[in-house]
């Protein structure tokens, strides 16, 4: 394998630059524009023949579909340019919430997206905190599902007051919350949640002891913030003295910012830069952004050199 090269689309160029700063390399110039009718145009601006190329492109809002198609076009351009190996680095993997058939005549969208990325030319995938770990099985090639916990916990520690308790906002997130609890040596609690329909959740009660403790809600993403805010309210009602939250992917769609600002129970929300926040950061003073450029940079370096990536999970 020849040189390590980094390519990025338009979804999160700041994250790509952060990764390059960690690796001590430069971004390969890439043309990523649109034709007058809205079709995407991509062109790689340097020779990549035989090289180990990493494409940094989270398929994140506000232009999920554009970012996904752009990722596919870049992978195809690299494949046709005879790149030695193409790795799609997709820190936020869109369409991951539709990972199984839950009703008649509905698609398994996560499988469709993995097929698209693979057929476009990606031979390996690097992502962070997949919404459902079993999505790794949709790929035929290697998948490195990194955990943001390592960088999140370092950011959380200075703000924890008294005895912490890690809280999963629903039953599906217990495994993720347990990993945080083990790292911090803290007990675990669960918010029993009922969801009537997508993006609408109602928190019922807390399983576990949170009275007099700093409650840290752990989730993989914040979409409309309904689950998060409902969980914070019920934790306050159960005696938590301080409520913090951390979520890897700040989707923050629709009423999310207004809900977070209106929920006085939460003091801080830690998120990563897998999704660019733009003006949302200024609108929500509770947000604390934790960079994942070094985590992804280490993973890319280890993959390129043939070293173990699993050491980053510890």
C-alpha atoms as a PDB file:
ATOM      1  CA  UNK A   1       0.000   0.000   0.000  1.00  0.00           C
ATOM      2  CA  UNK A   2       1.320   3.461  -0.926  1.00  0.00           C
ATOM      3  CA  UNK A   3       0.690   6.814   0.773  1.00  0.00           C
ATOM      4  CA  UNK A   4      -2.064   7.696   3.240  1.00  0.00           C
ATOM      5  CA  UNK A   5      -4.392  10.290   1.750  1.00  0.00           C
ATOM      6  CA  UNK A   6      -7.441  12.086   3.169  1.00  0.00           C
ATOM      7  CA  UNK A   7     -10.389  13.254   1.079  1.00  0.00           C
ATOM      8  CA  UNK A   8     -13.489  15.050   2.316  1.00  0.00           C
ATOM      9  CA  UNK A   9     -16.798  16.198   0.964  1.00  0.00           C
ATOM     10  CA  UNK A  10     -18.837  19.181   2.087  1.00  0.00           C
ATOM     11  CA  UNK A  11     -20.667  17.677   5.071  1.00  0.00           C
ATOM     12  CA  UNK A  12     -18.077  18.375   7.817  1.00  0.00           C
ATOM     13  CA  UNK A  13     -14.827  19.885   6.496  1.00  0.00           C
ATOM     14  CA  UNK A  14     -13.800  21.155   9.950  1.00  0.00           C
ATOM     15  CA  UNK A  15     -13.714  17.609  11.293  1.00  0.00           C
ATOM     16  CA  UNK A  16     -11.630  16.503   8.291  1.00  0.00           C
ATOM     17  CA  UNK A  17      -9.126  19.303   9.002  1.00  0.00           C
ATOM     18  CA  UNK A  18      -8.968  18.254  12.661  1.00  0.00           C
ATOM     19  CA  UNK A  19      -8.152  14.691  11.596  1.00  0.00           C
ATOM     20  CA  UNK A  20      -5.461  15.931   9.215  1.00  0.00           C
ATOM     21  CA  UNK A  21      -3.932  18.081  11.962  1.00  0.00           C
ATOM     22  CA  UNK A  22      -3.655  14.987  14.155  1.00  0.00           C
ATOM     23  CA  UNK A  23      -2.110  12.947  11.339  1.00  0.00           C
ATOM     24  CA  UNK A  24       0.181  15.739  10.163  1.00  0.00           C
ATOM     25  CA  UNK A  25      -1.035  15.582   6.562  1.00  0.00           C
ATOM     26  CA  UNK A  26      -2.918  17.728   4.070  1.00  0.00           C
ATOM     27  CA  UNK A  27      -6.363  17.234   2.583  1.00  0.00           C
ATOM     28  CA  UNK A  28      -6.410  16.125  -1.050  1.00  0.00           C
ATOM     29  CA  UNK A  29      -8.103  18.916  -3.055  1.00  0.00           C
ATOM     30  CA  UNK A  30     -11.583  17.821  -4.071  1.00  0.00           C
ATOM     31  CA  UNK A  31     -14.173  19.567  -6.214  1.00  0.00           C
ATOM     32  CA  UNK A  32     -17.633  19.089  -4.703  1.00  0.00           C
ATOM     33  CA  UNK A  33     -20.235  21.328  -6.291  1.00  0.00           C
ATOM     34  CA  UNK A  34     -23.627  21.067  -7.990  1.00  0.00           C
ATOM     35  CA  UNK A  35     -24.822  21.495 -11.530  1.00  0.00           C
ATOM     36  CA  UNK A  36     -27.535  24.058 -12.260  1.00  0.00           C
ATOM     37  CA  UNK A  37     -30.255  21.405 -11.969  1.00  0.00           C
ATOM     38  CA  UNK A  38     -29.075  20.325  -8.514  1.00  0.00           C
ATOM     39  CA  UNK A  39     -27.103  17.221  -9.514  1.00  0.00           C
ATOM     40  CA  UNK A  40     -23.884  16.745  -7.572  1.00  0.00           C
ATOM     41  CA  UNK A  41     -20.496  17.019  -9.221  1.00  0.00           C
ATOM     42  CA  UNK A  42     -17.342  15.499  -7.686  1.00  0.00           C
ATOM     43  CA  UNK A  43     -13.757  15.454  -8.919  1.00  0.00           C
ATOM     44  CA  UNK A  44     -10.632  14.314  -7.044  1.00  0.00           C
ATOM     45  CA  UNK A  45      -7.819  16.835  -7.564  1.00  0.00           C
ATOM     46  CA  UNK A  46      -4.707  14.657  -7.124  1.00  0.00           C
ATOM     47  CA  UNK A  47      -3.246  11.331  -8.148  1.00  0.00           C
ATOM     48  CA  UNK A  48      -4.355   8.501  -5.807  1.00  0.00           C
ATOM     49  CA  UNK A  49      -3.226   5.448  -7.791  1.00  0.00           C
ATOM     50  CA  UNK A  50      -2.328   2.660  -5.382  1.00  0.00           C
ATOM     51  CA  UNK A  51      -2.832   4.881  -2.327  1.00  0.00           C
ATOM     52  CA  UNK A  52      -4.650   4.192   0.949  1.00  0.00           C
ATOM     53  CA  UNK A  53      -7.472   6.754   0.781  1.00  0.00           C
ATOM     54  CA  UNK A  54      -9.847   7.712   3.607  1.00  0.00           C
ATOM     55  CA  UNK A  55     -13.022   9.594   2.708  1.00  0.00           C
ATOM     56  CA  UNK A  56     -14.300  11.755   5.618  1.00  0.00           C
ATOM     57  CA  UNK A  57     -18.023  12.245   5.084  1.00  0.00           C
ATOM     58  CA  UNK A  58     -20.650  11.919   7.829  1.00  0.00           C
ATOM     59  CA  UNK A  59     -24.105  11.481   6.291  1.00  0.00           C
ATOM     60  CA  UNK A  60     -25.574  14.068   8.628  1.00  0.00           C
ATOM     61  CA  UNK A  61     -28.290  16.725   8.520  1.00  0.00           C
ATOM     62  CA  UNK A  62     -29.301  19.189   7.290  1.00  0.00           C
ATOM     63  CA  UNK A  63     -28.532  17.568   3.908  1.00  0.00           C
ATOM     64  CA  UNK A  64     -28.452  13.854   4.687  1.00  0.00           C
ATOM     65  CA  UNK A  65     -29.312  12.690   1.171  1.00  0.00           C
ATOM     66  CA  UNK A  66     -26.867  15.075  -0.525  1.00  0.00           C
ATOM     67  CA  UNK A  67     -24.069  14.005   1.811  1.00  0.00           C
ATOM     68  CA  UNK A  68     -24.812  10.333   1.203  1.00  0.00           C
ATOM     69  CA  UNK A  69     -24.792  10.679  -2.583  1.00  0.00           C
ATOM     70  CA  UNK A  70     -21.652  12.802  -2.421  1.00  0.00           C
ATOM     71  CA  UNK A  71     -19.949  10.045  -0.392  1.00  0.00           C
ATOM     72  CA  UNK A  72     -20.903   7.501  -3.027  1.00  0.00           C
ATOM     73  CA  UNK A  73     -19.634   9.667  -5.867  1.00  0.00           C
ATOM     74  CA  UNK A  74     -16.291  10.260  -4.137  1.00  0.00           C
ATOM     75  CA  UNK A  75     -15.833   6.534  -3.517  1.00  0.00           C
ATOM     76  CA  UNK A  76     -16.658   5.777  -7.154  1.00  0.00           C
ATOM     77  CA  UNK A  77     -14.251   8.462  -8.386  1.00  0.00           C
ATOM     78  CA  UNK A  78     -11.465   6.994  -6.228  1.00  0.00           C
ATOM     79  CA  UNK A  79     -12.222   3.454  -7.396  1.00  0.00           C
ATOM     80  CA  UNK A  80     -12.042   4.535 -11.043  1.00  0.00           C
ATOM     81  CA  UNK A  81      -8.794   6.383 -10.274  1.00  0.00           C
ATOM     82  CA  UNK A  82      -7.257   3.068  -9.112  1.00  0.00           C
ATOM     83  CA  UNK A  83      -6.924   3.892  -5.409  1.00  0.00           C
ATOM     84  CA  UNK A  84      -5.289   0.978  -3.591  1.00  0.00           C
ATOM     85  CA  UNK A  85      -7.874   0.894  -0.783  1.00  0.00           C
ATOM     86  CA  UNK A  86     -10.886   3.091  -0.071  1.00  0.00           C
ATOM     87  CA  UNK A  87     -12.149   3.533   3.493  1.00  0.00           C
ATOM     88  CA  UNK A  88     -15.349   5.464   4.115  1.00  0.00           C
ATOM     89  CA  UNK A  89     -15.072   7.352   7.417  1.00  0.00           C
ATOM     90  CA  UNK A  90     -18.699   8.064   8.336  1.00  0.00           C
ATOM     91  CA  UNK A  91     -18.676   9.351  11.938  1.00  0.00           C
ATOM     92  CA  UNK A  92     -22.451   9.847  11.887  1.00  0.00           C
ATOM     93  CA  UNK A  93     -24.122   7.064   9.923  1.00  0.00           C
ATOM     94  CA  UNK A  94     -27.488   8.251   8.619  1.00  0.00           C
ATOM     95  CA  UNK A  95     -30.533   5.984   8.231  1.00  0.00           C
ATOM     96  CA  UNK A  96     -29.238   3.782  11.067  1.00  0.00           C
ATOM     97  CA  UNK A  97     -32.515   4.001  13.011  1.00  0.00           C
ATOM     98  CA  UNK A  98     -34.284   1.916  10.379  1.00  0.00           C
ATOM     99  CA  UNK A  99     -32.261  -1.238  10.964  1.00  0.00           C
ATOM    100  CA  UNK A 100     -35.077  -3.816  10.907  1.00  0.00           C
ATOM    101  CA  UNK A 101     -38.556  -4.303   9.535  1.00  0.00           C
ATOM    102  CA  UNK A 102     -40.960  -3.007  12.172  1.00  0.00           C
ATOM    103  CA  UNK A 103     -44.167  -2.828  10.116  1.00  0.00           C
ATOM    104  CA  UNK A 104     -45.579  -4.402   6.941  1.00  0.00           C
ATOM    105  CA  UNK A 105     -44.144  -3.158   3.641  1.00  0.00           C
ATOM    106  CA  UNK A 106     -41.423  -1.015   5.265  1.00  0.00           C
ATOM    107  CA  UNK A 107     -37.761  -0.944   4.149  1.00  0.00           C
ATOM    108  CA  UNK A 108     -34.626  -1.792   6.085  1.00  0.00           C
ATOM    109  CA  UNK A 109     -33.047   1.528   5.172  1.00  0.00           C
ATOM    110  CA  UNK A 110     -29.728   0.899   6.946  1.00  0.00           C
ATOM    111  CA  UNK A 111     -29.155  -2.114   4.690  1.00  0.00           C
ATOM    112  CA  UNK A 112     -29.949  -0.077   1.565  1.00  0.00           C
ATOM    113  CA  UNK A 113     -27.419   2.565   2.593  1.00  0.00           C
ATOM    114  CA  UNK A 114     -24.678   0.027   3.373  1.00  0.00           C
ATOM    115  CA  UNK A 115     -25.238  -1.591  -0.034  1.00  0.00           C
ATOM    116  CA  UNK A 116     -24.940   1.811  -1.695  1.00  0.00           C
ATOM    117  CA  UNK A 117     -21.664   2.692   0.034  1.00  0.00           C
ATOM    118  CA  UNK A 118     -20.164  -0.730  -0.676  1.00  0.00           C
ATOM    119  CA  UNK A 119     -21.222  -0.788  -4.338  1.00  0.00           C
ATOM    120  CA  UNK A 120     -19.784   2.715  -4.778  1.00  0.00           C
ATOM    121  CA  UNK A 121     -16.341   1.354  -3.913  1.00  0.00           C
ATOM    122  CA  UNK A 122     -15.751   1.563  -0.143  1.00  0.00           C
ATOM    123  CA  UNK A 123     -13.883  -1.510   1.086  1.00  0.00           C
ATOM    124  CA  UNK A 124     -13.930  -0.583   4.772  1.00  0.00           C
ATOM    125  CA  UNK A 125     -16.087   1.562   7.052  1.00  0.00           C
ATOM    126  CA  UNK A 126     -15.103   3.604  10.105  1.00  0.00           C
ATOM    127  CA  UNK A 127     -17.907   5.091  12.199  1.00  0.00           C
ATOM    128  CA  UNK A 128     -18.642   6.222  15.753  1.00  0.00           C
ATOM    129  CA  UNK A 129     -21.403   4.872  18.012  1.00  0.00           C
ATOM    130  CA  UNK A 130     -23.710   3.240  15.493  1.00  0.00           C
ATOM    131  CA  UNK A 131     -27.326   3.544  16.584  1.00  0.00           C
ATOM    132  CA  UNK A 132     -27.567  -0.241  16.444  1.00  0.00           C
ATOM    133  CA  UNK A 133     -24.390  -2.314  16.611  1.00  0.00           C
ATOM    134  CA  UNK A 134     -25.846  -5.116  14.486  1.00  0.00           C
ATOM    135  CA  UNK A 135     -25.698  -2.818  11.439  1.00  0.00           C
ATOM    136  CA  UNK A 136     -22.044  -3.872  11.213  1.00  0.00           C
ATOM    137  CA  UNK A 137     -23.354  -7.181   9.891  1.00  0.00           C
ATOM    138  CA  UNK A 138     -24.867  -5.430   6.863  1.00  0.00           C
ATOM    139  CA  UNK A 139     -21.348  -4.831   5.500  1.00  0.00           C
ATOM    140  CA  UNK A 140     -19.331  -7.613   3.912  1.00  0.00           C
ATOM    141  CA  UNK A 141     -16.038  -5.835   4.628  1.00  0.00           C
ATOM    142  CA  UNK A 142     -14.394  -4.665   7.876  1.00  0.00           C
ATOM    143  CA  UNK A 143     -16.307  -2.197  10.075  1.00  0.00           C
ATOM    144  CA  UNK A 144     -14.673  -0.225  12.889  1.00  0.00           C
ATOM    145  CA  UNK A 145     -17.409   1.090  15.185  1.00  0.00           C
ATOM    146  CA  UNK A 146     -15.487   3.411  17.500  1.00  0.00           C
ATOM    147  CA  UNK A 147     -16.810   4.523  20.884  1.00  0.00           C
ATOM    148  CA  UNK A 148     -16.933   8.202  21.828  1.00  0.00           C
ATOM    149  CA  UNK A 149     -16.924   7.268  25.532  1.00  0.00           C
ATOM    150  CA  UNK A 150     -13.144   7.665  25.818  1.00  0.00           C
ATOM    151  CA  UNK A 151     -13.181  11.349  24.841  1.00  0.00           C
ATOM    152  CA  UNK A 152     -16.572  12.049  26.433  1.00  0.00           C
ATOM    153  CA  UNK A 153     -15.591  10.820  29.890  1.00  0.00           C
ATOM    154  CA  UNK A 154     -12.447  12.949  29.940  1.00  0.00           C
ATOM    155  CA  UNK A 155     -14.634  15.989  29.215  1.00  0.00           C
ATOM    156  CA  UNK A 156     -17.285  15.006  31.766  1.00  0.00           C
ATOM    157  CA  UNK A 157     -15.087  14.325  34.783  1.00  0.00           C
ATOM    158  CA  UNK A 158     -14.281  17.928  35.821  1.00  0.00           C
ATOM    159  CA  UNK A 159     -17.987  18.861  35.994  1.00  0.00           C
ATOM    160  CA  UNK A 160     -19.216  15.884  38.028  1.00  0.00           C
ATOM    161  CA  UNK A 161     -20.255  16.941  41.517  1.00  0.00           C
ATOM    162  CA  UNK A 162     -20.663  14.385  44.286  1.00  0.00           C
ATOM    163  CA  UNK A 163     -21.723  10.825  43.506  1.00  0.00           C
ATOM    164  CA  UNK A 164     -22.569  10.253  39.840  1.00  0.00           C
ATOM    165  CA  UNK A 165     -25.145   7.835  38.448  1.00  0.00           C
ATOM    166  CA  UNK A 166     -25.249   6.958  34.747  1.00  0.00           C
ATOM    167  CA  UNK A 167     -28.736   6.972  33.274  1.00  0.00           C
ATOM    168  CA  UNK A 168     -29.991   5.265  30.116  1.00  0.00           C
ATOM    169  CA  UNK A 169     -32.989   7.208  28.734  1.00  0.00           C
ATOM    170  CA  UNK A 170     -34.572   3.964  27.512  1.00  0.00           C
ATOM    171  CA  UNK A 171     -34.106   0.207  27.658  1.00  0.00           C
ATOM    172  CA  UNK A 172     -32.369   0.109  24.271  1.00  0.00           C
ATOM    173  CA  UNK A 173     -29.461   2.205  25.483  1.00  0.00           C
ATOM    174  CA  UNK A 174     -28.598   0.175  28.571  1.00  0.00           C
ATOM    175  CA  UNK A 175     -25.463  -1.418  27.096  1.00  0.00           C
ATOM    176  CA  UNK A 176     -24.064   1.989  26.132  1.00  0.00           C
ATOM    177  CA  UNK A 177     -24.859   3.458  29.545  1.00  0.00           C
ATOM    178  CA  UNK A 178     -23.318   0.446  31.284  1.00  0.00           C
ATOM    179  CA  UNK A 179     -20.008   1.038  29.489  1.00  0.00           C
ATOM    180  CA  UNK A 180     -19.921   4.604  30.851  1.00  0.00           C
ATOM    181  CA  UNK A 181     -20.869   3.367  34.327  1.00  0.00           C
ATOM    182  CA  UNK A 182     -18.012   0.837  34.320  1.00  0.00           C
ATOM    183  CA  UNK A 183     -15.466   3.432  33.240  1.00  0.00           C
ATOM    184  CA  UNK A 184     -16.592   5.908  35.905  1.00  0.00           C
ATOM    185  CA  UNK A 185     -17.201   3.308  38.618  1.00  0.00           C
ATOM    186  CA  UNK A 186     -20.761   4.588  38.966  1.00  0.00           C
ATOM    187  CA  UNK A 187     -24.137   2.851  39.410  1.00  0.00           C
ATOM    188  CA  UNK A 188     -26.648   2.549  36.577  1.00  0.00           C
ATOM    189  CA  UNK A 189     -30.262   3.713  36.318  1.00  0.00           C
ATOM    190  CA  UNK A 190     -32.831   3.377  33.530  1.00  0.00           C
ATOM    191  CA  UNK A 191     -35.732   5.615  32.547  1.00  0.00           C
ATOM    192  CA  UNK A 192     -38.733   3.534  31.541  1.00  0.00           C
ATOM    193  CA  UNK A 193     -40.003   5.122  28.340  1.00  0.00           C
ATOM    194  CA  UNK A 194     -43.068   4.628  26.215  1.00  0.00           C
ATOM    195  CA  UNK A 195     -42.957   5.791  22.586  1.00  0.00           C
ATOM    196  CA  UNK A 196     -46.296   6.256  20.842  1.00  0.00           C
ATOM    197  CA  UNK A 197     -44.805   7.149  17.449  1.00  0.00           C
ATOM    198  CA  UNK A 198     -41.454   8.321  15.994  1.00  0.00           C
ATOM    199  CA  UNK A 199     -39.985  11.478  17.607  1.00  0.00           C
ATOM    200  CA  UNK A 200     -42.553  11.384  20.416  1.00  0.00           C
ATOM    201  CA  UNK A 201     -41.614   9.826  23.739  1.00  0.00           C
ATOM    202  CA  UNK A 202     -43.124   9.833  27.209  1.00  0.00           C
ATOM    203  CA  UNK A 203     -40.921   9.020  30.206  1.00  0.00           C
ATOM    204  CA  UNK A 204     -42.700   7.028  32.893  1.00  0.00           C
ATOM    205  CA  UNK A 205     -40.478   6.282  35.883  1.00  0.00           C
ATOM    206  CA  UNK A 206     -36.897   5.606  36.964  1.00  0.00           C
ATOM    207  CA  UNK A 207     -35.461   2.157  37.643  1.00  0.00           C
ATOM    208  CA  UNK A 208     -32.577   2.677  40.079  1.00  0.00           C
ATOM    209  CA  UNK A 209     -31.535   5.173  42.743  1.00  0.00           C
ATOM    210  CA  UNK A 210     -30.783   8.754  41.636  1.00  0.00           C
ATOM    211  CA  UNK A 211     -31.735  10.638  44.793  1.00  0.00           C
ATOM    212  CA  UNK A 212     -29.057  13.101  45.907  1.00  0.00           C
ATOM    213  CA  UNK A 213     -26.757  12.229  42.976  1.00  0.00           C
ATOM    214  CA  UNK A 214     -25.447  13.803  39.794  1.00  0.00           C
ATOM    215  CA  UNK A 215     -27.384  12.060  37.022  1.00  0.00           C
ATOM    216  CA  UNK A 216     -25.613  11.758  33.668  1.00  0.00           C
ATOM    217  CA  UNK A 217     -27.938  10.793  30.821  1.00  0.00           C
ATOM    218  CA  UNK A 218     -26.090   8.875  28.100  1.00  0.00           C
ATOM    219  CA  UNK A 219     -27.402   8.410  24.553  1.00  0.00           C
ATOM    220  CA  UNK A 220     -26.002   7.992  21.054  1.00  0.00           C
ATOM    221  CA  UNK A 221     -27.877  10.948  19.546  1.00  0.00           C
ATOM    222  CA  UNK A 222     -30.211  13.833  20.274  1.00  0.00           C
ATOM    223  CA  UNK A 223     -32.789  14.299  17.534  1.00  0.00           C
ATOM    224  CA  UNK A 224     -35.823  16.331  18.630  1.00  0.00           C
ATOM    225  CA  UNK A 225     -34.713  16.103  22.313  1.00  0.00           C
ATOM    226  CA  UNK A 226     -38.092  14.775  23.427  1.00  0.00           C
ATOM    227  CA  UNK A 227     -36.582  11.693  25.066  1.00  0.00           C
ATOM    228  CA  UNK A 228     -33.763  13.674  26.686  1.00  0.00           C
ATOM    229  CA  UNK A 229     -35.955  16.395  28.161  1.00  0.00           C
ATOM    230  CA  UNK A 230     -38.564  13.923  29.425  1.00  0.00           C
ATOM    231  CA  UNK A 231     -35.816  11.889  31.079  1.00  0.00           C
ATOM    232  CA  UNK A 232     -34.335  14.977  32.739  1.00  0.00           C
ATOM    233  CA  UNK A 233     -37.734  15.964  34.126  1.00  0.00           C
ATOM    234  CA  UNK A 234     -38.442  12.561  35.634  1.00  0.00           C
ATOM    235  CA  UNK A 235     -34.922  12.393  37.133  1.00  0.00           C
ATOM    236  CA  UNK A 236     -35.459  15.747  38.829  1.00  0.00           C
ATOM    237  CA  UNK A 237     -38.777  14.501  40.194  1.00  0.00           C
ATOM    238  CA  UNK A 238     -36.933  11.485  41.632  1.00  0.00           C
ATOM    239  CA  UNK A 239     -34.438  13.566  43.575  1.00  0.00           C
ATOM    240  CA  UNK A 240     -31.374  14.023  41.361  1.00  0.00           C
ATOM    241  CA  UNK A 241     -29.480  17.131  42.476  1.00  0.00           C
ATOM    242  CA  UNK A 242     -27.722  17.782  39.157  1.00  0.00           C
ATOM    243  CA  UNK A 243     -28.531  16.497  35.696  1.00  0.00           C
ATOM    244  CA  UNK A 244     -26.061  16.402  32.829  1.00  0.00           C
ATOM    245  CA  UNK A 245     -26.257  14.646  29.487  1.00  0.00           C
ATOM    246  CA  UNK A 246     -23.882  13.377  26.838  1.00  0.00           C
ATOM    247  CA  UNK A 247     -24.820  12.243  23.354  1.00  0.00           C
ATOM    248  CA  UNK A 248     -22.392  11.467  20.556  1.00  0.00           C
ATOM    249  CA  UNK A 249     -24.384  12.866  17.637  1.00  0.00           C
ATOM    250  CA  UNK A 250     -26.122  16.281  17.972  1.00  0.00           C
ATOM    251  CA  UNK A 251     -28.778  15.957  15.264  1.00  0.00           C
ATOM    252  CA  UNK A 252     -30.902  18.616  17.027  1.00  0.00           C
ATOM    253  CA  UNK A 253     -33.741  18.788  14.547  1.00  0.00           C
ATOM    254  CA  UNK A 254     -37.069  20.610  14.781  1.00  0.00           C
ATOM    255  CA  UNK A 255     -37.860  21.867  18.305  1.00  0.00           C
ATOM    256  CA  UNK A 256     -34.754  20.354  19.935  1.00  0.00           C
ATOM    257  CA  UNK A 257     -32.965  23.605  20.822  1.00  0.00           C
ATOM    258  CA  UNK A 258     -36.119  25.221  22.223  1.00  0.00           C
ATOM    259  CA  UNK A 259     -36.879  22.127  24.305  1.00  0.00           C
ATOM    260  CA  UNK A 260     -33.368  21.975  25.747  1.00  0.00           C
ATOM    261  CA  UNK A 261     -33.343  25.673  26.604  1.00  0.00           C
ATOM    262  CA  UNK A 262     -36.756  25.347  28.265  1.00  0.00           C
ATOM    263  CA  UNK A 263     -35.716  22.351  30.390  1.00  0.00           C
ATOM    264  CA  UNK A 264     -34.179  23.937  33.481  1.00  0.00           C
ATOM    265  CA  UNK A 265     -33.420  20.511  34.981  1.00  0.00           C
ATOM    266  CA  UNK A 266     -30.357  20.043  32.719  1.00  0.00           C
ATOM    267  CA  UNK A 267     -27.217  22.088  33.307  1.00  0.00           C
ATOM    268  CA  UNK A 268     -24.934  20.834  30.506  1.00  0.00           C
ATOM    269  CA  UNK A 269     -25.097  18.640  27.420  1.00  0.00           C
ATOM    270  CA  UNK A 270     -21.882  17.198  26.009  1.00  0.00           C
ATOM    271  CA  UNK A 271     -21.888  16.324  22.293  1.00  0.00           C
ATOM    272  CA  UNK A 272     -19.184  15.596  19.732  1.00  0.00           C
ATOM    273  CA  UNK A 273     -18.355  17.308  16.449  1.00  0.00           C
ATOM    274  CA  UNK A 274     -19.453  14.375  14.254  1.00  0.00           C
ATOM    275  CA  UNK A 275     -22.182  16.764  13.071  1.00  0.00           C
ATOM    276  CA  UNK A 276     -21.401  20.471  12.535  1.00  0.00           C
ATOM    277  CA  UNK A 277     -23.617  22.614  14.777  1.00  0.00           C
ATOM    278  CA  UNK A 278     -23.242  25.985  13.077  1.00  0.00           C
ATOM    279  CA  UNK A 279     -25.579  28.588  14.538  1.00  0.00           C
ATOM    280  CA  UNK A 280     -27.230  26.014  16.821  1.00  0.00           C
ATOM    281  CA  UNK A 281     -24.241  26.249  19.155  1.00  0.00           C
ATOM    282  CA  UNK A 282     -24.860  29.946  19.745  1.00  0.00           C
ATOM    283  CA  UNK A 283     -28.574  29.347  20.316  1.00  0.00           C
ATOM    284  CA  UNK A 284     -28.005  26.734  23.033  1.00  0.00           C
ATOM    285  CA  UNK A 285     -25.542  27.780  25.782  1.00  0.00           C
ATOM    286  CA  UNK A 286     -25.875  24.373  27.487  1.00  0.00           C
ATOM    287  CA  UNK A 287     -24.018  22.588  24.679  1.00  0.00           C
ATOM    288  CA  UNK A 288     -20.383  21.549  25.179  1.00  0.00           C
ATOM    289  CA  UNK A 289     -18.633  20.233  22.049  1.00  0.00           C
ATOM    290  CA  UNK A 290     -16.032  17.465  22.410  1.00  0.00           C
ATOM    291  CA  UNK A 291     -13.730  16.873  19.443  1.00  0.00           C
ATOM    292  CA  UNK A 292     -13.318  13.392  17.960  1.00  0.00           C
ATOM    293  CA  UNK A 293     -10.623  14.328  15.440  1.00  0.00           C
ATOM    294  CA  UNK A 294      -7.869  12.715  17.511  1.00  0.00           C
ATOM    295  CA  UNK A 295      -9.908   9.511  18.001  1.00  0.00           C
ATOM    296  CA  UNK A 296     -10.560   9.179  14.269  1.00  0.00           C
ATOM    297  CA  UNK A 297      -6.989  10.180  13.464  1.00  0.00           C
ATOM    298  CA  UNK A 298      -5.635   7.387  15.670  1.00  0.00           C
ATOM    299  CA  UNK A 299      -7.992   4.876  14.051  1.00  0.00           C
ATOM    300  CA  UNK A 300      -6.974   5.951  10.552  1.00  0.00           C
ATOM    301  CA  UNK A 301      -3.286   5.778  11.443  1.00  0.00           C
ATOM    302  CA  UNK A 302      -3.663   2.282  12.918  1.00  0.00           C
ATOM    303  CA  UNK A 303      -5.626   1.026   9.925  1.00  0.00           C
ATOM    304  CA  UNK A 304      -3.047   2.422   7.510  1.00  0.00           C
ATOM    305  CA  UNK A 305      -0.114   0.857   9.367  1.00  0.00           C
ATOM    306  CA  UNK A 306      -1.898  -2.455  10.004  1.00  0.00           C
ATOM    307  CA  UNK A 307      -1.944  -1.914  13.780  1.00  0.00           C
ATOM    308  CA  UNK A 308      -4.765  -2.904  16.106  1.00  0.00           C
ATOM    309  CA  UNK A 309      -7.810  -0.632  16.153  1.00  0.00           C
ATOM    310  CA  UNK A 310      -9.331  -2.430  19.146  1.00  0.00           C
ATOM    311  CA  UNK A 311      -6.836  -0.715  21.469  1.00  0.00           C
ATOM    312  CA  UNK A 312      -8.916   2.445  20.982  1.00  0.00           C
ATOM    313  CA  UNK A 313     -11.926   0.756  22.589  1.00  0.00           C
ATOM    314  CA  UNK A 314     -10.215   0.529  25.969  1.00  0.00           C
END
